[in-house]
Amino acid sequence: MGLMNSLKAKLSPAKDKVSGLAQQHGDRIQHGLDKAAKVVDEKTKGKYSGRIQKGTGKAKDAMDRLAHNDGTQGPGGGSAPPTSPPPAS
């Protein structure tokens, strides 16, 4: 077994736990990210507002990917597409 396979096998339980916590506390995490971004923006007097917003957006996207990682990945590692709603009568 290669080094990467061994590392992945050992870190898999931690990833599952982090994913579960992200699902359970997603709203609190997002609120904390917004609060931290606001404080940093105030401390820098708005000089880096664009960069702060961009970084906050990327952090939220990463958190969403962790929270929605329920093992339903399609080919290529992406998430499986959601099922379409039933047709309206």
Protein backbone atom coordinates (compact mmCIF):
# COMPACT_ATOMS: atom_id res chain seq x y z
CA MET A 1 0.00 0.00 0.00
CA GLY A 2 1.36 3.39 -0.94
CA LEU A 3 1.92 6.28 1.40
CA MET A 4 -1.05 8.26 0.05
CA ASN A 5 -3.43 5.31 0.34
CA SER A 6 -2.31 4.74 3.92
CA LEU A 7 -2.75 8.42 4.75
CA LYS A 8 -6.21 8.53 3.18
CA ALA A 9 -7.27 5.45 5.11
CA LYS A 10 -6.14 6.96 8.40
CA LEU A 11 -7.76 10.36 7.76
CA SER A 12 -11.09 9.02 6.50
CA PRO A 13 -12.73 8.86 9.97
CA ALA A 14 -11.65 12.45 10.69
CA LYS A 15 -13.10 13.65 7.40
CA ASP A 16 -16.39 11.92 8.15
CA LYS A 17 -16.52 13.53 11.59
CA VAL A 18 -15.75 17.00 10.21
CA SER A 19 -18.41 16.50 7.54
CA GLY A 20 -20.97 15.58 10.18
CA LEU A 21 -20.10 18.60 12.28
CA ALA A 22 -20.34 20.87 9.23
CA GLN A 23 -23.81 19.48 8.50
CA GLN A 24 -24.92 19.88 12.09
CA HIS A 25 -23.50 23.37 12.72
CA GLY A 26 -23.44 24.90 9.23
CA ASP A 27 -25.46 27.98 10.14
CA ARG A 28 -23.28 28.74 13.16
CA ILE A 29 -20.10 28.34 11.10
CA GLN A 30 -21.39 30.68 8.40
CA HIS A 31 -22.40 33.24 11.03
CA GLY A 32 -18.91 33.04 12.53
CA LEU A 33 -17.30 33.54 9.12
CA ASP A 34 -19.46 36.62 8.52
CA LYS A 35 -18.65 38.00 11.95
CA ALA A 36 -14.90 37.45 11.50
CA ALA A 37 -15.00 39.06 8.04
CA LYS A 38 -16.80 42.09 9.46
CA VAL A 39 -14.23 42.54 12.25
CA VAL A 40 -11.29 42.21 9.86
CA ASP A 41 -12.91 44.64 7.42
CA GLU A 42 -13.40 47.17 10.22
CA LYS A 43 -9.81 46.77 11.45
CA THR A 44 -8.44 47.34 7.93
CA LYS A 45 -10.85 50.27 7.45
CA GLY A 46 -12.33 48.74 4.30
CA LYS A 47 -9.02 48.67 2.45
CA TYR A 48 -9.30 44.95 1.66
CA SER A 49 -13.09 44.57 1.49
CA GLY A 50 -13.07 42.82 -1.88
CA ARG A 51 -10.43 40.33 -0.82
CA ILE A 52 -12.17 39.67 2.48
CA GLN A 53 -15.49 39.00 0.73
CA LYS A 54 -13.79 36.74 -1.80
CA GLY A 55 -12.02 34.77 0.94
CA THR A 56 -15.19 34.49 2.99
CA GLY A 57 -17.07 33.22 -0.05
CA LYS A 58 -14.41 30.57 -0.70
CA ALA A 59 -14.48 29.49 2.95
CA LYS A 60 -18.28 29.16 2.84
CA ASP A 61 -18.10 27.16 -0.39
CA ALA A 62 -15.54 24.80 1.15
CA MET A 63 -17.70 24.39 4.23
CA ASP A 64 -20.73 23.65 2.04
CA ARG A 65 -18.76 21.02 0.13
CA LEU A 66 -17.80 19.37 3.41
CA ALA A 67 -21.35 19.52 4.75
CA HIS A 68 -22.88 18.01 1.63
CA ASN A 69 -20.30 15.26 1.19
CA ASP A 70 -22.61 12.34 1.89
CA GLY A 71 -20.86 9.81 -0.33
CA THR A 72 -23.00 10.44 -3.40
CA GLN A 73 -20.26 11.44 -5.78
CA GLY A 74 -20.60 10.90 -9.48
CA PRO A 75 -17.85 10.15 -11.97
CA GLY A 76 -14.96 12.57 -11.79
CA GLY A 77 -15.39 13.22 -8.08
CA GLY A 78 -18.20 15.76 -8.41
CA SER A 79 -21.45 15.53 -6.55
CA ALA A 80 -24.20 13.51 -8.11
CA PRO A 81 -26.84 15.70 -9.74
CA PRO A 82 -30.01 16.14 -7.71
CA THR A 83 -33.04 14.19 -8.79
CA SER A 84 -35.58 16.20 -10.73
CA PRO A 85 -38.93 16.95 -9.13
CA PRO A 86 -41.93 14.96 -10.35
CA PRO A 87 -43.78 16.49 -13.29
CA ALA A 88 -46.73 18.71 -12.42
CA SER A 89 -50.15 17.39 -13.41
